[in-house]
Amino acid sequence: MNQKSLNPDNVIKEEISKSVHPDSHIHGSPKQEDNPYAYLDRAFSSENFKIEIKNLPKFYGIGEFKKLLNDKLKLNSNKIKTPKRNCPYAFVCFRNEEDKDKAIKVLTGFKWKGKELQAMHAKPCADPLVKKRKENADVDNENKKQKTEILSVNERIRTSTVPLSDTDYSKQLEIKQDEVRKMLQNLANDLSSQNILIRKYINSQKEKYDGLPCELLNIRYSDQIDGYRNKCEFSVGINPETQLPTVGFRIGAYANGKTGVGPVEDLRHIPDSMKIVVTVFQKFVRSSKLKVFNAEFHTGHFRQLSVRSAQNQLMIVVGIHPQDLCTQEISDFKAELITFFSEGIGKQANVTSLYYQEIVKKNPGQHPTTATFLWGETHIYETIMGLKFRISPEAFFQVNTKAAEILYRTAIELAEPTESSSMLDVCCGTGTIGLCFAKSCGQVLGLELIPQAIIDAKENVIINNVHNSEFFTGKAEDILGSVCYNSKFEDVFAVVDPPRAGLHQKAVHQLRKIKKINRLIYISCNPKLASKNFVDLGRPESKYLHGESFVPVKAVAVDLFPHTTHCELMIVFKRWNLVEKE
């Protein structure tokens, strides 16, 4: 046996080759579009340098595992993948062969938490798009004809984005209220089982509120249920029916074997002004010498069009993959964009702010490239509750302006602030919620991870001549304590409006730990994902969780997303020792 055959990487590649096409030695190499591993040769992928680590301890956190690999053992891992939490094995990818081989040597036999680790070479994952395509091809034709597959592209887009658009709006509200009720019932059961100290109270609440841990108010909503979105991110791709470059929404997920893009003119939640922008930009794309980005082969350029609207202002960000375009070619492309929207056909879209952004494959933890201003005004401005807010391309702003005002008024109502209250605006973004609270409380302290958002927040303070608000940059789990230290009043409450996935567990621990916070209002756009946060707030104190528990005392849903299955859920939590005294 020669040296080449002994190389583990050659063995793995040979196994992959056989799994791709068992008769490849007879028929030649499989077609690129049929080979689920072809992506490994098209561009850099850390899947080429992956290992499997076995015999991991029974309990460990991904964060501490990452610190072990990169901080203590200096192994330069690129990403870590585990099938489930506290899984006894994990896959770790590296950037090159040298780092991978070093990791195998260092980790094999290394003892961690009483376990002797084992490390070995691992096969790269198959491309989910090609894998799904092959699976579909193997299914009998009759079984393949699922309902969504026989629908037109327009119908499939409508089904995936606004599935309730044909349902009477009053019925939509009933559906969402029922979903919130079910979620709260589950929360009541979880809290009762997790914390024996509050079990009697939760059970009495369940009797009082028909199985719920607290009072649930009627769902609130805006009168504007069509064309309400002030921000959309449209994909650029190929319409599978017309085979033409199209600006719209993806028909399905890449992992499900879908890369096609369908039009948006039939979608009720998108305003006409955005539909006009999409139409004219689509003309630009089809007439351009640049190609549409291909997600499978990572070729082409046009990827995305982001559109934001506010009071007759329209901001767009054109996102492309630069590929091998030289500096001059990119400059020429930017000039074409400016001319098109300022003087050409695109002028009819009435764009007031034009940006350019390069979107390439991102490494874990890497933020997208900052958008480059090209033409028009640098910002757009929106008004909520009589306050004016500056919006930049990266700024978070609720996508339904009118319903957001109802959301914020509801938060103020439920928080019951006074002139002797300090409000902590956790995940404050550009300061929208905090500044809306400013007139109703004595002090607002906001904190946010994204520096640009804090710059906007401080500008919004100046624009609105607010004198009782300060904003700070940093992770909530890192700076919450020091920010809270600046509170002037004894009555301190927090308003939490985190991203879809909810708060980091460490941030929840900080909220529990800081005794000055007596209540908090948690606003969630995806209660299912945030449910762990809700339960953690109500768990008993432990070695890792300090501070009195929080219990839910009131909840209300606000419909920011008509015609979809989503809504915002607001829950008021109070410290258990305060509730116990009432």
Protein backbone atom coordinates (compact mmCIF):
# COMPACT_ATOMS: atom_id res chain seq x y z
CA MET A 1 0.00 0.00 0.00
CA ASN A 2 1.49 3.37 -1.00
CA GLN A 3 1.76 6.50 1.16
CA LYS A 4 -1.08 8.27 -0.66
CA SER A 5 -3.62 5.61 0.28
CA LEU A 6 -2.62 5.91 3.94
CA ASN A 7 -3.47 9.64 4.08
CA PRO A 8 -6.80 9.95 5.97
CA ASP A 9 -7.85 12.86 3.75
CA ASN A 10 -7.39 10.76 0.61
CA VAL A 11 -9.45 7.98 2.21
CA ILE A 12 -12.22 10.44 3.09
CA LYS A 13 -12.22 11.95 -0.41
CA GLU A 14 -12.34 8.46 -1.91
CA GLU A 15 -15.31 7.55 0.30
CA ILE A 16 -17.07 10.77 -0.69
CA SER A 17 -16.43 10.06 -4.35
CA LYS A 18 -17.94 6.58 -3.99
CA SER A 19 -20.95 7.92 -2.11
CA VAL A 20 -21.54 10.48 -4.86
CA HIS A 21 -21.53 7.98 -7.68
CA PRO A 22 -20.78 4.29 -7.00
CA ASP A 23 -19.96 3.70 -10.66
CA SER A 24 -17.82 6.81 -11.12
CA HIS A 25 -14.79 4.69 -12.02
CA ILE A 26 -16.80 3.43 -15.01
CA HIS A 27 -18.88 6.43 -16.07
CA GLY A 28 -16.50 9.25 -15.16
CA SER A 29 -17.03 12.17 -12.76
CA PRO A 30 -20.60 13.03 -11.80
CA LYS A 31 -22.11 16.28 -13.07
CA GLN A 32 -21.40 19.30 -10.90
CA GLU A 33 -25.11 19.90 -10.28
CA ASP A 34 -25.53 16.29 -9.06
CA ASN A 35 -22.47 16.21 -6.81
CA PRO A 36 -23.36 17.25 -3.23
CA TYR A 37 -19.66 17.80 -2.49
CA ALA A 38 -18.77 19.91 -5.51
CA TYR A 39 -19.01 23.08 -3.43
CA LEU A 40 -15.81 22.06 -1.62
CA ASP A 41 -13.79 22.72 -4.77
CA ARG A 42 -15.59 25.92 -5.86
CA ALA A 43 -14.66 28.15 -2.93
CA PHE A 44 -13.08 28.03 0.50
CA SER A 45 -15.05 25.94 2.95
CA SER A 46 -13.96 24.98 6.44
CA GLU A 47 -15.85 21.71 5.84
CA ASN A 48 -12.65 20.58 4.10
CA PHE A 49 -10.88 20.76 7.46
CA LYS A 50 -13.35 19.16 9.86
CA ILE A 51 -12.77 16.81 12.77
CA GLU A 52 -15.06 14.90 15.11
CA ILE A 53 -14.46 15.05 18.88
CA LYS A 54 -15.95 12.19 20.90
CA ASN A 55 -16.44 11.37 24.59
CA LEU A 56 -17.35 14.92 25.61
CA PRO A 57 -18.52 15.42 29.23
CA LYS A 58 -22.18 15.06 30.16
CA PHE A 59 -22.66 18.77 30.82
CA TYR A 60 -20.88 21.58 29.02
CA GLY A 61 -21.68 24.85 27.30
CA ILE A 62 -20.74 25.73 23.73
CA GLY A 63 -19.18 28.93 25.05
CA GLU A 64 -16.85 27.15 27.45
CA PHE A 65 -16.08 24.49 24.83
CA LYS A 66 -15.06 27.24 22.42
CA LYS A 67 -12.88 28.86 25.11
CA LEU A 68 -11.21 25.49 25.74
CA LEU A 69 -10.36 25.08 22.05
CA ASN A 70 -9.32 28.62 21.17
CA ASP A 71 -8.21 30.31 24.41
CA LYS A 72 -6.68 27.50 26.43
CA LEU A 73 -5.47 25.10 23.73
CA LYS A 74 -4.90 27.78 21.01
CA LEU A 75 -6.41 25.63 18.26
CA ASN A 76 -7.95 28.38 16.05
CA SER A 77 -11.27 26.64 15.41
CA ASN A 78 -13.53 28.24 12.79
CA LYS A 79 -16.91 26.84 13.83
CA ILE A 80 -18.40 24.25 16.17
CA LYS A 81 -21.44 22.12 15.34
CA THR A 82 -23.31 19.85 17.74
CA PRO A 83 -26.48 17.87 16.92
CA LYS A 84 -28.03 18.88 20.25
CA ARG A 85 -27.20 20.49 23.57
CA ASN A 86 -24.65 18.56 25.70
CA CYS A 87 -24.17 16.02 22.91
CA PRO A 88 -21.31 13.56 23.70
CA TYR A 89 -19.72 14.33 20.34
CA ALA A 90 -19.19 17.49 18.26
CA PHE A 91 -17.80 18.55 14.89
CA VAL A 92 -15.19 21.29 14.71
CA CYS A 93 -13.99 23.00 11.51
CA PHE A 94 -10.68 24.77 10.88
CA ARG A 95 -9.29 27.07 8.21
CA ASN A 96 -6.47 24.87 6.98
CA GLU A 97 -4.91 21.39 7.10
CA GLU A 98 -2.20 22.39 9.55
CA ASP A 99 -4.67 23.64 12.17
CA LYS A 100 -6.80 20.54 11.72
CA ASP A 101 -3.91 18.11 12.20
CA LYS A 102 -2.68 20.05 15.23
CA ALA A 103 -6.13 19.84 16.81
CA ILE A 104 -6.30 16.07 16.39
CA LYS A 105 -2.92 15.63 18.07
CA VAL A 106 -3.68 18.00 20.95
CA LEU A 107 -7.22 16.78 21.66
CA THR A 108 -6.62 13.03 21.42
CA GLY A 109 -6.23 11.85 25.00
CA PHE A 110 -6.79 15.34 26.47
CA LYS A 111 -8.82 15.20 29.72
CA TRP A 112 -11.68 17.66 30.16
CA LYS A 113 -14.12 17.50 33.06
CA GLY A 114 -13.08 13.94 33.84
CA LYS A 115 -13.45 12.71 30.25
CA GLU A 116 -10.62 11.64 27.94
CA LEU A 117 -11.38 13.13 24.54
CA GLN A 118 -10.97 11.40 21.20
CA ALA A 119 -10.41 13.35 17.97
CA MET A 120 -10.42 12.12 14.39
CA HIS A 121 -10.93 13.22 10.79
CA ALA A 122 -14.55 13.78 9.73
CA LYS A 123 -16.31 13.86 6.40
CA PRO A 124 -17.56 17.23 5.15
CA CYS A 125 -21.32 17.78 5.03
CA ALA A 126 -23.15 17.43 1.76
CA ASP A 127 -24.57 20.56 0.12
CA PRO A 128 -28.17 20.66 1.46
CA LEU A 129 -29.50 22.01 -1.85
CA VAL A 130 -28.04 19.19 -3.94
CA LYS A 131 -28.84 16.61 -1.28
CA LYS A 132 -32.47 17.66 -1.19
CA ARG A 133 -32.63 17.75 -4.98
CA LYS A 134 -31.33 14.18 -5.16
CA GLU A 135 -33.81 13.07 -2.51
CA ASN A 136 -36.68 14.61 -4.45
CA ALA A 137 -35.45 12.97 -7.64
CA ASP A 138 -35.57 9.56 -5.96
CA VAL A 139 -39.17 9.93 -4.83
CA ASP A 140 -41.94 8.51 -6.99
CA ASN A 141 -43.48 11.17 -9.24
CA GLU A 142 -46.92 10.76 -7.73
CA ASN A 143 -45.61 11.23 -4.20
CA LYS A 144 -43.62 14.29 -5.24
CA LYS A 145 -46.70 16.27 -6.24
CA GLN A 146 -47.27 17.98 -2.93
CA LYS A 147 -49.76 20.81 -2.74
CA THR A 148 -47.13 23.54 -2.67
CA GLU A 149 -45.39 22.10 -5.73
CA ILE A 150 -48.46 22.35 -7.97
CA LEU A 151 -49.19 25.94 -6.97
CA SER A 152 -48.03 28.78 -9.20
CA VAL A 153 -44.97 30.78 -8.13
CA ASN A 154 -47.20 33.69 -7.08
CA GLU A 155 -49.35 31.40 -4.94
CA ARG A 156 -46.31 29.79 -3.33
CA ILE A 157 -44.85 33.19 -2.43
CA ARG A 158 -48.15 34.28 -0.94
CA THR A 159 -48.48 31.04 1.03
CA SER A 160 -44.98 31.34 2.52
CA THR A 161 -45.09 35.08 3.35
CA VAL A 162 -48.72 36.02 4.08
CA PRO A 163 -50.52 32.70 4.65
CA LEU A 164 -53.52 34.39 6.32
CA SER A 165 -54.10 36.99 3.58
CA ASP A 166 -57.34 35.29 2.47
CA THR A 167 -58.61 35.03 6.07
CA ASP A 168 -60.93 37.70 7.48
CA TYR A 169 -58.87 39.98 9.72
CA SER A 170 -61.10 39.48 12.77
CA LYS A 171 -60.48 35.74 12.39
CA GLN A 172 -56.73 36.38 12.11
CA LEU A 173 -56.83 38.16 15.47
CA GLU A 174 -58.70 35.24 17.03
CA ILE A 175 -56.08 32.79 15.73
CA LYS A 176 -53.22 34.83 17.17
CA GLN A 177 -54.94 35.36 20.51
CA ASP A 178 -55.48 31.60 20.78
CA GLU A 179 -51.82 30.90 19.96
CA VAL A 180 -50.69 33.33 22.66
CA ARG A 181 -53.08 31.69 25.11
CA LYS A 182 -51.58 28.25 24.39
CA MET A 183 -48.06 29.59 24.83
CA LEU A 184 -48.95 31.14 28.20
CA GLN A 185 -50.60 27.91 29.34
CA ASN A 186 -47.33 26.09 28.61
CA LEU A 187 -45.43 28.79 30.48
CA ALA A 188 -47.69 28.35 33.51
CA ASN A 189 -47.02 24.60 33.54
CA ASP A 190 -43.25 25.10 33.10
CA LEU A 191 -43.01 27.64 35.92
CA SER A 192 -45.11 25.49 38.24
CA SER A 193 -42.88 22.46 37.66
CA GLN A 194 -39.57 24.36 37.79
CA ASN A 195 -40.05 26.46 40.92
CA ILE A 196 -41.76 24.96 43.96
CA LEU A 197 -41.72 28.34 45.75
CA ILE A 198 -44.12 29.93 43.27
CA ARG A 199 -46.13 26.79 42.45
CA LYS A 200 -49.04 27.62 44.75
CA TYR A 201 -49.26 31.15 43.32
CA ILE A 202 -49.09 29.96 39.70
CA ASN A 203 -51.76 27.33 40.34
CA SER A 204 -54.06 29.94 41.87
CA GLN A 205 -53.46 32.17 38.83
CA LYS A 206 -54.34 29.26 36.54
CA GLU A 207 -57.66 28.85 38.33
CA LYS A 208 -58.34 32.57 38.09
CA TYR A 209 -57.34 33.01 34.42
CA ASP A 210 -58.43 29.74 32.83
CA GLY A 211 -55.09 27.96 32.87
CA LEU A 212 -52.92 31.05 32.37
CA PRO A 213 -50.22 32.31 34.76
CA CYS A 214 -51.52 35.89 34.51
CA GLU A 215 -54.21 38.10 33.04
CA LEU A 216 -54.23 38.16 29.22
CA LEU A 217 -55.65 41.35 27.70
CA ASN A 218 -57.39 41.41 24.32
CA ILE A 219 -55.06 41.59 21.33
CA ARG A 220 -54.33 45.12 20.08
CA TYR A 221 -53.88 46.18 16.47
CA SER A 222 -53.71 49.04 13.98
CA ASP A 223 -56.42 49.96 11.48
CA GLN A 224 -53.87 49.75 8.65
CA ILE A 225 -53.61 46.09 7.75
CA ASP A 226 -52.40 46.40 4.12
CA GLY A 227 -49.15 47.88 2.82
CA TYR A 228 -47.91 48.35 6.37
CA ARG A 229 -44.28 47.22 6.06
CA ASN A 230 -41.70 50.01 6.19
CA LYS A 231 -38.78 47.66 5.52
CA CYS A 232 -38.29 44.68 3.20
CA GLU A 233 -35.25 42.72 2.06
CA PHE A 234 -35.88 41.40 -1.44
CA SER A 235 -33.80 38.65 -2.98
CA VAL A 236 -32.53 38.66 -6.55
CA GLY A 237 -32.72 35.33 -8.37
CA ILE A 238 -34.31 33.40 -11.19
CA ASN A 239 -38.07 32.93 -11.45
CA PRO A 240 -38.51 29.16 -12.04
CA GLU A 241 -41.56 29.77 -14.26
CA THR A 242 -40.23 32.54 -16.53
CA GLN A 243 -36.50 31.74 -16.11
CA LEU A 244 -35.93 35.50 -15.95
CA PRO A 245 -33.92 37.45 -13.36
CA THR A 246 -36.46 38.49 -10.73
CA VAL A 247 -36.48 40.76 -7.69
CA GLY A 248 -38.78 39.42 -4.98
CA PHE A 249 -38.84 36.75 -2.30
CA ARG A 250 -37.26 33.30 -2.18
CA ILE A 251 -39.79 30.54 -2.87
CA GLY A 252 -38.22 28.25 -0.29
CA ALA A 253 -35.15 27.63 1.83
CA TYR A 254 -31.80 26.60 0.35
CA ALA A 255 -31.72 23.63 2.74
CA ASN A 256 -35.00 22.44 1.21
CA GLY A 257 -33.57 22.50 -2.29
CA LYS A 258 -35.01 25.87 -3.33
CA THR A 259 -33.20 28.85 -4.84
CA GLY A 260 -35.92 30.36 -7.05
CA VAL A 261 -37.32 33.86 -6.53
CA GLY A 262 -40.91 34.92 -7.17
CA PRO A 263 -42.58 38.33 -7.71
CA VAL A 264 -44.22 40.33 -4.91
CA GLU A 265 -46.94 42.35 -6.64
CA ASP A 266 -49.73 40.19 -5.13
CA LEU A 267 -48.58 40.51 -1.50
CA ARG A 268 -50.89 42.60 0.67
CA HIS A 269 -48.37 43.62 3.32
CA ILE A 270 -45.98 45.42 0.93
CA PRO A 271 -46.76 49.09 0.13
CA ASP A 272 -47.16 50.23 -3.49
CA SER A 273 -44.08 52.47 -3.23
CA MET A 274 -41.89 49.42 -2.57
CA LYS A 275 -43.52 47.44 -5.37
CA ILE A 276 -42.63 50.25 -7.79
CA VAL A 277 -38.99 50.21 -6.60
CA VAL A 278 -38.85 46.44 -7.08
CA THR A 279 -40.29 46.72 -10.60
CA VAL A 280 -37.86 49.38 -11.81
CA PHE A 281 -34.84 47.76 -10.15
CA GLN A 282 -35.77 44.49 -11.81
CA LYS A 283 -35.51 46.29 -15.17
CA PHE A 284 -32.06 47.50 -14.16
CA VAL A 285 -30.98 43.95 -13.25
CA ARG A 286 -32.25 42.46 -16.50
CA SER A 287 -30.49 45.09 -18.59
CA SER A 288 -27.19 44.92 -16.68
CA LYS A 289 -24.13 43.04 -17.91
CA LEU A 290 -23.74 41.68 -14.38
CA LYS A 291 -25.38 38.34 -13.62
CA VAL A 292 -27.74 37.23 -10.88
CA PHE A 293 -26.01 35.56 -7.94
CA ASN A 294 -26.21 31.76 -7.94
CA ALA A 295 -26.44 30.52 -4.34
CA GLU A 296 -25.38 27.00 -5.25
CA PHE A 297 -22.22 27.78 -7.23
CA HIS A 298 -21.48 31.20 -5.67
CA THR A 299 -21.25 32.86 -9.06
CA GLY A 300 -22.90 36.05 -10.29
CA HIS A 301 -23.39 39.40 -8.62
CA PHE A 302 -26.92 40.69 -7.85
CA ARG A 303 -27.99 39.36 -4.44
CA GLN A 304 -30.36 41.64 -2.58
CA LEU A 305 -32.35 44.87 -2.56
CA SER A 306 -33.21 46.35 0.85
CA VAL A 307 -35.93 49.01 0.91
CA ARG A 308 -36.99 51.26 3.80
CA SER A 309 -39.80 53.83 3.66
CA ALA A 310 -40.86 56.65 5.97
CA GLN A 311 -43.16 59.63 5.30
CA ASN A 312 -42.66 59.89 1.53
CA GLN A 313 -38.97 59.01 1.83
CA LEU A 314 -37.46 55.89 0.33
CA MET A 315 -34.06 54.40 1.16
CA ILE A 316 -32.67 51.52 -0.88
CA VAL A 317 -29.53 49.43 -0.44
CA VAL A 318 -28.34 47.46 -3.48
CA GLY A 319 -26.46 44.37 -2.38
CA ILE A 320 -24.08 42.55 -4.74
CA HIS A 321 -21.31 39.99 -4.54
CA PRO A 322 -18.29 41.73 -6.13
CA GLN A 323 -16.69 38.42 -7.23
CA ASP A 324 -13.63 39.37 -9.32
CA LEU A 325 -14.80 42.86 -10.34
CA CYS A 326 -11.94 45.34 -10.29
CA THR A 327 -12.13 48.71 -8.52
CA GLN A 328 -12.96 50.55 -11.77
CA GLU A 329 -15.77 48.13 -12.64
CA ILE A 330 -17.31 48.60 -9.20
CA SER A 331 -17.02 52.38 -9.57
CA ASP A 332 -18.73 52.18 -12.95
CA PHE A 333 -21.52 50.06 -11.46
CA LYS A 334 -22.10 52.59 -8.68
CA ALA A 335 -22.25 55.39 -11.25
CA GLU A 336 -24.83 53.41 -13.26
CA LEU A 337 -26.97 53.03 -10.15
CA ILE A 338 -26.84 56.75 -9.40
CA THR A 339 -27.75 57.69 -12.97
CA PHE A 340 -30.55 55.12 -13.13
CA PHE A 341 -32.31 56.32 -9.96
CA SER A 342 -31.59 60.04 -10.30
CA GLU A 343 -32.11 60.54 -14.05
CA GLY A 344 -33.16 57.28 -15.71
CA ILE A 345 -36.19 54.98 -15.56
CA GLY A 346 -35.62 54.46 -11.86
CA LYS A 347 -36.47 58.09 -11.17
CA GLN A 348 -40.17 57.17 -11.14
CA ALA A 349 -39.56 55.19 -7.92
CA ASN A 350 -38.83 58.48 -6.08
CA VAL A 351 -35.84 57.09 -4.21
CA THR A 352 -34.48 59.66 -1.75
CA SER A 353 -31.52 57.70 -0.34
CA LEU A 354 -29.29 55.29 -2.30
CA TYR A 355 -26.69 52.94 -0.82
CA TYR A 356 -24.43 50.17 -2.13
CA GLN A 357 -23.38 47.10 -0.12
CA GLU A 358 -21.10 44.17 -0.83
CA ILE A 359 -22.50 40.86 0.43
CA VAL A 360 -20.12 37.93 0.41
CA LYS A 361 -20.07 34.61 2.26
CA LYS A 362 -19.68 35.48 5.94
CA ASN A 363 -17.57 33.62 8.47
CA PRO A 364 -19.12 32.86 11.88
CA GLY A 365 -19.26 36.02 13.99
CA GLN A 366 -18.38 38.29 11.06
CA HIS A 367 -20.71 41.24 10.55
CA PRO A 368 -21.96 42.24 7.07
CA THR A 369 -20.02 44.90 5.17
CA THR A 370 -21.22 48.41 6.01
CA ALA A 371 -23.39 49.96 3.30
CA THR A 372 -21.74 52.76 1.28
CA PHE A 373 -23.73 55.95 0.70
CA LEU A 374 -24.05 56.86 -3.00
CA TRP A 375 -26.67 59.55 -3.58
CA GLY A 376 -29.54 61.55 -2.04
CA GLU A 377 -30.05 61.94 1.71
CA THR A 378 -27.96 59.90 4.15
CA HIS A 379 -30.97 59.10 6.37
CA ILE A 380 -34.74 58.94 6.39
CA TYR A 381 -36.91 60.08 9.31
CA GLU A 382 -40.02 58.60 10.92
CA THR A 383 -42.38 59.94 13.59
CA ILE A 384 -43.81 57.94 16.50
CA MET A 385 -45.75 59.43 19.41
CA GLY A 386 -44.78 62.92 18.26
CA LEU A 387 -41.07 62.11 18.27
CA LYS A 388 -38.81 62.18 15.22
CA PHE A 389 -36.40 59.30 14.65
CA ARG A 390 -33.40 59.13 12.32
CA ILE A 391 -33.10 55.84 10.46
CA SER A 392 -29.84 54.61 8.94
CA PRO A 393 -29.46 51.49 6.72
CA GLU A 394 -28.40 49.23 9.61
CA ALA A 395 -30.75 50.63 12.26
CA PHE A 396 -33.45 48.48 13.81
CA PHE A 397 -36.90 50.00 13.54
CA GLN A 398 -40.22 48.17 13.95
CA VAL A 399 -41.49 47.22 10.47
CA ASN A 400 -45.04 48.45 11.13
CA THR A 401 -44.92 52.11 12.20
CA LYS A 402 -48.57 52.59 13.17
CA ALA A 403 -48.75 49.33 15.12
CA ALA A 404 -45.38 50.12 16.75
CA GLU A 405 -46.93 53.25 18.27
CA ILE A 406 -49.68 51.07 19.77
CA LEU A 407 -46.98 48.69 21.04
CA TYR A 408 -45.05 51.47 22.76
CA ARG A 409 -48.14 53.09 24.28
CA THR A 410 -49.10 49.68 25.64
CA ALA A 411 -45.63 49.20 27.14
CA ILE A 412 -45.89 52.56 28.92
CA GLU A 413 -49.37 51.68 30.18
CA LEU A 414 -48.27 48.32 31.60
CA ALA A 415 -44.96 49.56 33.05
CA GLU A 416 -46.74 52.27 35.07
CA PRO A 417 -43.73 54.64 35.18
CA THR A 418 -43.62 57.82 37.26
CA GLU A 419 -41.35 60.84 37.44
CA SER A 420 -39.46 58.90 40.11
CA SER A 421 -38.73 55.90 37.86
CA SER A 422 -35.54 54.90 36.05
CA MET A 423 -36.13 52.88 32.90
CA LEU A 424 -33.55 50.46 31.48
CA ASP A 425 -34.01 50.09 27.71
CA VAL A 426 -32.30 46.74 27.04
CA CYS A 427 -31.51 46.10 23.34
CA CYS A 428 -32.49 49.73 22.73
CA GLY A 429 -31.54 49.94 19.05
CA THR A 430 -31.83 53.60 18.02
CA GLY A 431 -33.56 54.49 21.27
CA THR A 432 -37.12 54.37 19.95
CA ILE A 433 -38.79 52.73 22.96
CA GLY A 434 -36.71 54.56 25.54
CA LEU A 435 -37.36 58.00 24.09
CA CYS A 436 -41.09 57.25 23.91
CA PHE A 437 -40.88 56.50 27.65
CA ALA A 438 -38.86 59.66 28.39
CA LYS A 439 -41.90 61.89 28.97
CA SER A 440 -43.43 59.39 31.40
CA CYS A 441 -40.46 58.63 33.66
CA GLY A 442 -37.60 60.41 35.36
CA GLN A 443 -34.69 58.72 33.58
CA VAL A 444 -33.98 56.50 30.57
CA LEU A 445 -30.82 54.40 30.29
CA GLY A 446 -30.41 52.49 27.02
CA LEU A 447 -27.90 49.81 26.05
CA GLU A 448 -27.24 48.21 22.68
CA LEU A 449 -24.59 45.97 21.11
CA ILE A 450 -24.39 47.74 17.73
CA PRO A 451 -22.32 50.98 17.87
CA GLN A 452 -24.05 52.61 14.88
CA ALA A 453 -27.43 52.17 16.56
CA ILE A 454 -26.17 54.04 19.64
CA ILE A 455 -24.88 56.84 17.41
CA ASP A 456 -28.39 57.11 15.95
CA ALA A 457 -29.93 56.96 19.43
CA LYS A 458 -27.79 59.85 20.66
CA GLU A 459 -28.69 61.84 17.54
CA ASN A 460 -32.37 61.15 18.23
CA VAL A 461 -31.90 62.55 21.74
CA ILE A 462 -30.65 65.80 20.21
CA ILE A 463 -33.32 65.94 17.51
CA ASN A 464 -36.11 65.58 20.07
CA ASN A 465 -34.52 67.81 22.72
CA VAL A 466 -34.69 65.09 25.39
CA HIS A 467 -32.66 65.70 28.55
CA ASN A 468 -33.23 62.63 30.72
CA SER A 469 -31.87 59.88 28.45
CA GLU A 470 -28.43 58.30 28.04
CA PHE A 471 -27.33 55.45 25.76
CA PHE A 472 -24.43 53.01 26.07
CA THR A 473 -22.71 50.54 23.73
CA GLY A 474 -22.03 46.95 24.77
CA LYS A 475 -23.45 43.51 25.39
CA ALA A 476 -26.32 43.49 27.87
CA GLU A 477 -24.65 40.73 29.90
CA ASP A 478 -21.46 42.82 30.18
CA ILE A 479 -22.67 46.36 30.89
CA LEU A 480 -26.15 45.97 32.40
CA GLY A 481 -24.81 46.19 35.95
CA SER A 482 -22.70 49.32 35.36
CA VAL A 483 -25.49 51.04 33.42
CA CYS A 484 -28.00 50.27 36.18
CA TYR A 485 -25.54 51.74 38.69
CA ASN A 486 -26.23 55.13 37.06
CA SER A 487 -29.94 54.98 37.90
CA LYS A 488 -31.06 58.02 39.91
CA PHE A 489 -34.23 56.56 41.39
CA GLU A 490 -35.18 53.65 43.61
CA ASP A 491 -37.96 52.52 41.26
CA VAL A 492 -36.04 50.78 38.47
CA PHE A 493 -37.70 48.74 35.73
CA ALA A 494 -36.42 47.25 32.47
CA VAL A 495 -37.99 47.03 29.03
CA VAL A 496 -36.52 44.21 26.96
CA ASP A 497 -37.06 44.04 23.20
CA PRO A 498 -34.43 41.55 21.98
CA PRO A 499 -33.86 40.02 18.52
CA ARG A 500 -36.05 37.12 17.39
CA ALA A 501 -34.02 34.46 19.22
CA GLY A 502 -34.39 36.21 22.58
CA LEU A 503 -31.85 37.36 25.14
CA HIS A 504 -28.52 35.66 25.73
CA GLN A 505 -28.78 33.47 28.82
CA LYS A 506 -26.10 35.52 30.57
CA ALA A 507 -28.20 38.66 30.05
CA VAL A 508 -31.17 36.94 31.72
CA HIS A 509 -28.89 36.02 34.61
CA GLN A 510 -27.85 39.67 34.93
CA LEU A 511 -31.44 40.87 34.99
CA ARG A 512 -32.12 38.40 37.80
CA LYS A 513 -28.95 39.33 39.68
CA ILE A 514 -29.46 43.12 39.75
CA LYS A 515 -31.70 43.62 42.78
CA LYS A 516 -32.60 47.22 41.87
CA ILE A 517 -34.72 45.99 38.94
CA ASN A 518 -38.14 45.31 40.46
CA ARG A 519 -40.10 44.57 37.26
CA LEU A 520 -39.54 44.13 33.55
CA ILE A 521 -41.59 44.27 30.39
CA TYR A 522 -40.46 41.64 27.89
CA ILE A 523 -41.46 42.25 24.25
CA SER A 524 -41.03 39.25 21.96
CA CYS A 525 -41.68 38.90 18.23
CA ASN A 526 -41.28 35.12 18.53
CA PRO A 527 -42.58 33.87 21.92
CA LYS A 528 -41.68 30.26 21.13
CA LEU A 529 -38.00 31.12 20.78
CA ALA A 530 -38.11 33.41 23.82
CA SER A 531 -39.92 30.88 26.02
CA LYS A 532 -36.64 29.70 27.60
CA ASN A 533 -36.00 33.29 28.72
CA PHE A 534 -39.46 33.39 30.30
CA VAL A 535 -38.83 30.17 32.21
CA ASP A 536 -35.32 31.25 33.29
CA LEU A 537 -36.74 34.43 34.76
CA GLY A 538 -38.98 32.30 36.98
CA ARG A 539 -36.56 29.55 38.01
CA PRO A 540 -35.52 29.24 41.67
CA GLU A 541 -32.16 30.61 42.77
CA SER A 542 -29.25 28.23 42.27
CA LYS A 543 -25.47 28.06 42.12
CA TYR A 544 -25.57 29.70 38.68
CA LEU A 545 -28.74 31.77 38.94
CA HIS A 546 -28.79 34.52 41.55
CA GLY A 547 -31.51 36.96 42.53
CA GLU A 548 -35.21 36.72 43.29
CA SER A 549 -37.39 35.08 40.64
CA PHE A 550 -39.64 37.07 38.30
CA VAL A 551 -43.24 35.97 37.76
CA PRO A 552 -45.64 37.05 34.98
CA VAL A 553 -48.46 39.34 36.13
CA LYS A 554 -49.98 40.58 32.86
CA ALA A 555 -49.71 39.90 29.12
CA VAL A 556 -51.02 41.31 25.86
CA ALA A 557 -50.43 40.60 22.17
CA VAL A 558 -50.03 43.39 19.61
CA ASP A 559 -50.44 42.52 15.94
CA LEU A 560 -47.58 44.12 14.03
CA PHE A 561 -47.76 41.56 11.21
CA PRO A 562 -51.27 41.28 9.68
CA HIS A 563 -51.83 38.39 7.22
CA THR A 564 -48.94 36.42 8.77
CA THR A 565 -49.00 33.98 11.68
CA HIS A 566 -46.81 36.26 13.82
CA CYS A 567 -47.50 38.93 16.42
CA GLU A 568 -45.65 40.65 19.26
CA LEU A 569 -46.22 39.37 22.79
CA MET A 570 -45.66 41.64 25.76
CA ILE A 571 -45.38 40.12 29.26
CA VAL A 572 -44.99 42.10 32.48
CA PHE A 573 -42.83 40.30 35.07
CA LYS A 574 -42.48 41.32 38.72
CA ARG A 575 -40.12 40.13 41.44
CA TRP A 576 -41.67 37.25 43.37
CA ASN A 577 -40.99 38.88 46.77
CA LEU A 578 -43.04 41.93 45.69
CA VAL A 579 -45.89 39.86 44.31
CA GLU A 580 -45.90 37.72 47.44
CA LYS A 581 -46.53 40.82 49.57
CA GLU A 582 -49.48 42.03 47.47
